[in-house]
Amino acid sequence: MKKHVRNFLLLTTLTTISIYGINKAISVSSSMKNLLKTEKGKFFHWRYGNIYYTKHGKGTPLLLIHDLNPASSSYEWEKIAKHLAKHHTVYTLDLIGCGRSEKPNMTYSNYLYVQLITDFIKNIIGTKSDIVVTGESSSFTLMACNMEPNHFGKIIVINPSNLADLSKTPNKRKNALKFFIDTPIIGTLVYNLVFLKNNINKVFSKEYYYKKHMVSTKTIDCYYEAAHISNSHGKYLLSSIQANYTNINIVHALRKINNSIYLIGSKELNGIEKIIDTYISQNPSIEASYLSNSKYLPQMEIPEKLLETLNIYLESN
């Protein structure tokens, strides 16, 4: 019996060491190219962690908010930020839990991001700002606008979240999954397997881009690096997303907002027209338009076409 126990403990120890080695190897390999440098930006020393951001251009302030995903970062806006900076003071940031910003071990809630966006506008931008936001980050942006409308100008949402999905809340099963992902070694391995470079490439080819041959190696490398900065601590955001803590029902807020809201949908993104129709049904003053030949990230796939639409909305009264 003692021999079996010793063998079991030895096997467990060796397995743990092996998994730790795999996690460490992924952490090191993901940052070897060092594509996501911090020299061109600054850090907002927020109470929950340091937030990386950039500021370019002159004119009315415009804040670009990337999709809420552990592999996302302000790199998402690389192809259009400089063009927008010709007529605007453009701010980009890496959301807490993403990219070059801190990734603390905590539960990431929708209200956490409401606070981040509001505090960033108050403390860094210092005046009312127009917003362009992607997908899963739209809910907390709209909630922030509803809570403190005086800090927000126009809100332009690219491929907004499904309102029905945003109503899903945490439960026992989801919390068990969160606990598992948050565990030090096994949970980190699961996270690292989810964000392997090959898996990121598949997501881009199937969900993010309409024309998969347009996906560049640099883009995949940047997303891979962003996911694994800070020893894969992006897993704490992933676990919160999977457990529905980043969700919130925004229907009531959507009905109350008086700010100008513009929705931009990608025609080739499955179900987007129905999603946008549900937003307009809650607030008929919302305007919408569609772009062809793109899916989830038109700012990366067809930046020129998106810029044309953005400029129309930003210049409108």
Protein backbone atom coordinates (compact mmCIF):
# COMPACT_ATOMS: atom_id res chain seq x y z
CA MET A 1 0.00 0.00 0.00
CA LYS A 2 2.77 2.43 0.93
CA LYS A 3 4.53 1.65 -2.34
CA HIS A 4 1.37 2.47 -4.33
CA VAL A 5 1.02 5.74 -2.43
CA ARG A 6 4.63 6.65 -3.14
CA ASN A 7 4.22 5.81 -6.83
CA PHE A 8 1.04 7.88 -7.00
CA LEU A 9 2.71 10.86 -5.34
CA LEU A 10 5.72 10.54 -7.63
CA LEU A 11 3.50 10.39 -10.71
CA THR A 12 1.49 13.37 -9.50
CA THR A 13 4.64 15.38 -8.85
CA LEU A 14 6.13 14.56 -12.25
CA THR A 15 2.85 15.41 -13.98
CA THR A 16 2.62 18.73 -12.15
CA ILE A 17 6.21 19.58 -13.04
CA SER A 18 5.55 18.70 -16.68
CA ILE A 19 2.44 20.87 -16.85
CA TYR A 20 4.29 23.73 -15.17
CA GLY A 21 7.04 23.35 -17.78
CA ILE A 22 4.50 23.46 -20.62
CA ASN A 23 2.87 26.58 -19.17
CA LYS A 24 6.25 28.26 -18.76
CA ALA A 25 7.29 27.37 -22.32
CA ILE A 26 4.10 28.90 -23.74
CA SER A 27 4.57 32.04 -21.65
CA VAL A 28 8.12 32.49 -22.90
CA SER A 29 7.45 31.62 -26.56
CA SER A 30 4.44 33.96 -26.82
CA SER A 31 6.50 37.04 -25.95
CA MET A 32 9.66 36.28 -27.92
CA LYS A 33 8.77 38.67 -30.75
CA ASN A 34 7.85 41.46 -28.30
CA LEU A 35 5.33 42.99 -30.68
CA LEU A 36 3.19 44.71 -28.05
CA LYS A 37 5.66 47.28 -26.80
CA THR A 38 4.73 49.89 -24.21
CA GLU A 39 7.17 52.66 -25.17
CA LYS A 40 4.63 54.53 -27.33
CA GLY A 41 2.02 54.68 -24.62
CA LYS A 42 1.49 55.52 -20.97
CA PHE A 43 -0.15 53.92 -17.95
CA PHE A 44 -3.22 55.14 -16.13
CA HIS A 45 -2.66 54.17 -12.50
CA TRP A 46 -6.18 53.02 -11.77
CA ARG A 47 -7.20 51.69 -8.37
CA TYR A 48 -7.64 48.12 -9.65
CA GLY A 49 -4.49 48.00 -11.78
CA ASN A 50 -2.34 49.92 -14.25
CA ILE A 51 -4.05 50.51 -17.59
CA TYR A 52 -2.00 50.90 -20.76
CA TYR A 53 -3.20 53.59 -23.16
CA THR A 54 -2.10 55.74 -26.11
CA LYS A 55 -2.99 59.26 -27.21
CA HIS A 56 -2.54 60.65 -30.73
CA GLY A 57 -3.75 63.57 -32.83
CA LYS A 58 -5.66 66.79 -32.20
CA GLY A 59 -9.33 67.63 -32.21
CA THR A 60 -12.43 66.35 -30.48
CA PRO A 61 -11.67 63.38 -28.20
CA LEU A 62 -12.41 59.87 -29.44
CA LEU A 63 -11.95 56.75 -27.33
CA LEU A 64 -11.53 53.39 -29.10
CA ILE A 65 -12.48 50.38 -26.96
CA HIS A 66 -11.46 46.91 -28.14
CA ASP A 67 -13.47 43.69 -27.82
CA LEU A 68 -13.63 42.06 -24.38
CA ASN A 69 -11.47 38.98 -24.88
CA PRO A 70 -8.23 37.92 -23.13
CA ALA A 71 -6.43 37.87 -26.48
CA SER A 72 -7.67 41.32 -27.53
CA SER A 73 -5.87 44.62 -27.05
CA SER A 74 -5.71 48.07 -28.57
CA TYR A 75 -3.80 46.45 -31.45
CA GLU A 76 -7.31 45.90 -32.81
CA TRP A 77 -7.36 49.57 -33.86
CA GLU A 78 -3.90 49.71 -35.47
CA LYS A 79 -5.20 50.13 -39.03
CA ILE A 80 -7.57 53.03 -38.35
CA ALA A 81 -6.33 54.92 -35.27
CA LYS A 82 -3.79 57.05 -37.16
CA HIS A 83 -6.36 58.02 -39.79
CA LEU A 84 -8.88 59.05 -37.13
CA ALA A 85 -6.14 61.06 -35.39
CA LYS A 86 -6.06 63.48 -38.33
CA HIS A 87 -9.26 65.08 -37.02
CA HIS A 88 -9.56 63.79 -33.45
CA THR A 89 -7.54 63.30 -30.29
CA VAL A 90 -7.64 59.51 -30.37
CA TYR A 91 -7.26 57.44 -27.22
CA THR A 92 -6.86 53.68 -27.18
CA LEU A 93 -6.51 51.51 -24.11
CA ASP A 94 -5.96 47.89 -23.18
CA LEU A 95 -8.83 46.93 -20.89
CA ILE A 96 -7.91 45.56 -17.49
CA GLY A 97 -7.24 41.83 -17.88
CA CYS A 98 -6.13 42.34 -21.50
CA GLY A 99 -2.95 43.10 -23.42
CA ARG A 100 -0.40 45.31 -21.69
CA SER A 101 -2.66 46.31 -18.81
CA GLU A 102 -2.56 44.55 -15.46
CA LYS A 103 -4.34 41.23 -15.09
CA PRO A 104 -5.09 40.86 -11.38
CA ASN A 105 -6.54 37.70 -9.83
CA MET A 106 -10.11 38.89 -9.34
CA THR A 107 -13.63 38.51 -10.66
CA TYR A 108 -14.10 40.73 -13.71
CA SER A 109 -17.64 42.12 -13.66
CA ASN A 110 -19.50 44.31 -16.09
CA TYR A 111 -19.59 47.09 -13.52
CA LEU A 112 -15.79 46.90 -13.15
CA TYR A 113 -15.50 47.96 -16.79
CA VAL A 114 -18.22 50.59 -16.36
CA GLN A 115 -16.02 52.12 -13.65
CA LEU A 116 -12.87 51.82 -15.79
CA ILE A 117 -14.32 53.60 -18.81
CA THR A 118 -15.91 56.34 -16.70
CA ASP A 119 -12.76 56.90 -14.64
CA PHE A 120 -10.59 56.92 -17.77
CA ILE A 121 -12.71 59.63 -19.37
CA LYS A 122 -12.75 61.70 -16.17
CA ASN A 123 -9.08 61.38 -15.26
CA ILE A 124 -7.24 60.99 -18.58
CA ILE A 125 -9.40 62.51 -21.30
CA GLY A 126 -10.84 65.13 -18.97
CA THR A 127 -13.87 66.01 -21.08
CA LYS A 128 -16.83 64.46 -22.89
CA SER A 129 -15.67 61.87 -25.42
CA ASP A 130 -17.13 60.08 -28.43
CA ILE A 131 -16.72 56.31 -28.30
CA VAL A 132 -16.14 53.57 -30.86
CA VAL A 133 -16.48 50.14 -29.30
CA THR A 134 -16.44 46.54 -30.48
CA GLY A 135 -18.74 43.62 -29.72
CA GLU A 136 -18.61 42.30 -26.19
CA SER A 137 -17.42 45.63 -24.82
CA SER A 138 -20.59 47.37 -25.99
CA SER A 139 -22.65 46.41 -22.92
CA PHE A 140 -20.50 48.11 -20.30
CA THR A 141 -19.94 51.12 -22.55
CA LEU A 142 -23.68 51.64 -22.93
CA MET A 143 -24.19 51.07 -19.21
CA ALA A 144 -21.52 53.66 -18.41
CA CYS A 145 -23.22 56.13 -20.73
CA ASN A 146 -26.56 55.50 -19.07
CA MET A 147 -25.08 56.09 -15.61
CA GLU A 148 -23.04 59.21 -16.44
CA PRO A 149 -24.29 60.55 -19.80
CA ASN A 150 -22.52 63.90 -19.43
CA HIS A 151 -19.16 62.22 -19.98
CA PHE A 152 -20.20 60.62 -23.27
CA GLY A 153 -20.83 62.01 -26.71
CA LYS A 154 -21.70 59.75 -29.61
CA ILE A 155 -21.43 56.00 -29.19
CA ILE A 156 -20.63 53.91 -32.24
CA VAL A 157 -20.86 50.15 -31.75
CA ILE A 158 -19.31 47.69 -34.16
CA ASN A 159 -21.19 44.35 -34.18
CA PRO A 160 -22.99 44.73 -30.84
CA SER A 161 -23.55 41.90 -28.37
CA ASN A 162 -26.72 39.83 -28.47
CA LEU A 163 -29.15 41.26 -25.90
CA ALA A 164 -30.42 37.79 -25.02
CA ASP A 165 -26.88 36.55 -24.28
CA LEU A 166 -26.23 39.57 -22.06
CA SER A 167 -29.13 38.49 -19.83
CA LYS A 168 -27.39 35.21 -18.87
CA THR A 169 -26.22 35.23 -15.25
CA PRO A 170 -23.79 33.17 -13.11
CA ASN A 171 -24.97 29.87 -11.62
CA LYS A 172 -23.44 26.97 -9.70
CA ARG A 173 -22.20 25.16 -12.80
CA LYS A 174 -20.66 28.32 -14.23
CA ASN A 175 -19.02 29.15 -10.91
CA ALA A 176 -17.52 25.64 -10.77
CA LEU A 177 -16.02 26.22 -14.21
CA LYS A 178 -14.66 29.57 -13.06
CA PHE A 179 -13.05 27.96 -10.02
CA PHE A 180 -11.41 25.31 -12.23
CA ILE A 181 -9.95 27.82 -14.70
CA ASP A 182 -8.66 29.96 -11.83
CA THR A 183 -6.62 27.07 -10.35
CA PRO A 184 -2.85 27.68 -10.49
CA ILE A 185 -1.46 24.94 -12.76
CA ILE A 186 -4.23 22.89 -14.37
CA GLY A 187 -6.40 25.95 -14.94
CA THR A 188 -3.48 27.76 -16.53
CA LEU A 189 -2.90 24.78 -18.84
CA VAL A 190 -6.53 24.83 -19.94
CA TYR A 191 -6.29 28.55 -20.62
CA ASN A 192 -3.06 28.09 -22.57
CA LEU A 193 -4.62 25.35 -24.69
CA VAL A 194 -7.60 27.58 -25.49
CA PHE A 195 -5.24 30.34 -26.63
CA LEU A 196 -2.74 28.32 -28.58
CA LYS A 197 -1.62 30.16 -31.69
CA ASN A 198 -3.34 27.62 -33.92
CA ASN A 199 -6.64 28.06 -32.08
CA ILE A 200 -6.42 31.86 -32.36
CA ASN A 201 -5.84 31.44 -36.10
CA LYS A 202 -8.96 29.26 -36.36
CA VAL A 203 -11.07 31.90 -34.61
CA PHE A 204 -9.86 34.57 -37.01
CA SER A 205 -10.47 32.38 -40.05
CA LYS A 206 -13.96 31.25 -39.03
CA GLU A 207 -15.40 34.10 -36.94
CA TYR A 208 -13.39 37.31 -37.16
CA TYR A 209 -12.60 37.55 -40.89
CA TYR A 210 -14.80 36.90 -43.93
CA LYS A 211 -11.77 36.35 -46.16
CA LYS A 212 -9.45 34.17 -44.10
CA HIS A 213 -6.51 34.65 -46.45
CA MET A 214 -6.43 38.27 -45.28
CA VAL A 215 -5.38 37.27 -41.76
CA SER A 216 -1.73 38.24 -41.32
CA THR A 217 0.91 36.39 -39.34
CA LYS A 218 1.57 39.55 -37.34
CA THR A 219 -2.06 39.74 -36.27
CA ILE A 220 -2.04 36.17 -34.97
CA ASP A 221 1.28 36.78 -33.21
CA CYS A 222 -0.06 39.92 -31.52
CA TYR A 223 -3.18 38.20 -30.28
CA TYR A 224 -1.12 35.23 -29.09
CA GLU A 225 1.24 37.54 -27.23
CA ALA A 226 -1.61 39.58 -25.72
CA ALA A 227 -3.26 36.44 -24.39
CA HIS A 228 -0.14 35.29 -22.55
CA ILE A 229 1.40 38.51 -21.22
CA SER A 230 1.76 38.36 -17.41
CA ASN A 231 2.16 34.57 -17.26
CA SER A 232 -1.27 33.87 -18.77
CA HIS A 233 -3.14 35.76 -16.06
CA GLY A 234 -5.71 36.56 -18.72
CA LYS A 235 -7.29 33.35 -17.47
CA TYR A 236 -9.00 35.32 -14.69
CA LEU A 237 -10.84 37.36 -17.29
CA LEU A 238 -11.66 34.21 -19.28
CA SER A 239 -13.13 32.51 -16.21
CA SER A 240 -15.26 35.56 -15.45
CA ILE A 241 -16.52 35.69 -19.04
CA GLN A 242 -17.32 31.98 -19.04
CA ALA A 243 -19.19 32.34 -15.74
CA ASN A 244 -21.25 35.27 -17.14
CA TYR A 245 -19.91 37.87 -14.70
CA THR A 246 -19.21 40.27 -17.56
CA ASN A 247 -22.84 40.10 -18.69
CA ILE A 248 -25.59 42.53 -17.74
CA ASN A 249 -29.10 43.13 -19.01
CA ILE A 250 -28.86 46.51 -20.74
CA VAL A 251 -32.43 46.75 -22.09
CA HIS A 252 -33.59 49.26 -19.47
CA ALA A 253 -30.46 51.39 -19.95
CA LEU A 254 -30.81 51.24 -23.73
CA ARG A 255 -34.31 52.66 -23.51
CA LYS A 256 -33.18 55.60 -21.35
CA ILE A 257 -30.05 56.73 -23.22
CA ASN A 258 -30.50 60.03 -25.06
CA ASN A 259 -27.00 60.12 -26.55
CA SER A 260 -26.63 59.41 -30.26
CA ILE A 261 -26.06 55.69 -30.79
CA TYR A 262 -24.92 54.25 -34.10
CA LEU A 263 -24.62 50.54 -34.81
CA ILE A 264 -22.40 49.13 -37.55
CA GLY A 265 -22.99 45.52 -38.54
CA SER A 266 -21.00 43.23 -40.81
CA LYS A 267 -23.33 41.60 -43.33
CA GLU A 268 -21.43 38.33 -43.34
CA LEU A 269 -21.63 37.98 -39.53
CA ASN A 270 -24.29 35.42 -38.79
CA GLY A 271 -27.39 36.83 -37.09
CA ILE A 272 -26.19 40.44 -36.86
CA GLU A 273 -29.24 41.97 -38.57
CA LYS A 274 -31.59 40.35 -36.05
CA ILE A 275 -29.37 41.52 -33.18
CA ILE A 276 -29.35 45.10 -34.43
CA ASP A 277 -33.13 45.02 -34.93
CA THR A 278 -33.56 44.14 -31.23
CA TYR A 279 -31.54 47.23 -30.25
CA ILE A 280 -33.63 49.49 -32.47
CA SER A 281 -36.83 47.98 -31.09
CA GLN A 282 -35.74 49.12 -27.62
CA ASN A 283 -34.60 52.57 -28.75
CA PRO A 284 -35.99 53.68 -32.15
CA SER A 285 -33.60 56.67 -32.29
CA ILE A 286 -30.66 54.30 -32.85
CA GLU A 287 -29.23 54.44 -36.38
CA ALA A 288 -27.65 51.45 -38.11
CA SER A 289 -25.66 50.64 -41.22
CA TYR A 290 -24.00 47.56 -42.68
CA LEU A 291 -20.65 46.72 -44.23
CA SER A 292 -20.14 43.93 -46.73
CA ASN A 293 -17.18 41.55 -47.08
CA SER A 294 -16.36 41.42 -43.39
CA LYS A 295 -17.25 39.59 -40.21
CA TYR A 296 -16.55 40.46 -36.57
CA LEU A 297 -13.58 42.84 -36.96
CA PRO A 298 -14.11 45.13 -39.97
CA GLN A 299 -11.62 47.60 -38.48
CA MET A 300 -8.94 45.02 -39.22
CA GLU A 301 -10.34 43.36 -42.34
CA ILE A 302 -11.77 46.31 -44.30
CA PRO A 303 -10.44 49.41 -42.46
CA GLU A 304 -10.97 51.82 -45.37
CA LYS A 305 -14.68 51.02 -45.67
CA LEU A 306 -15.18 51.24 -41.93
CA LEU A 307 -13.41 54.60 -41.80
CA GLU A 308 -15.83 56.02 -44.37
CA THR A 309 -18.79 55.08 -42.18
CA LEU A 310 -17.13 56.25 -38.96
CA ASN A 311 -16.34 59.65 -40.46
CA ILE A 312 -19.96 60.10 -41.52
CA TYR A 313 -21.24 59.34 -38.03
CA LEU A 314 -18.56 61.35 -36.22
CA GLU A 315 -19.18 64.42 -38.38
CA SER A 316 -22.97 64.29 -38.13
CA ASN A 317 -24.81 66.63 -35.75
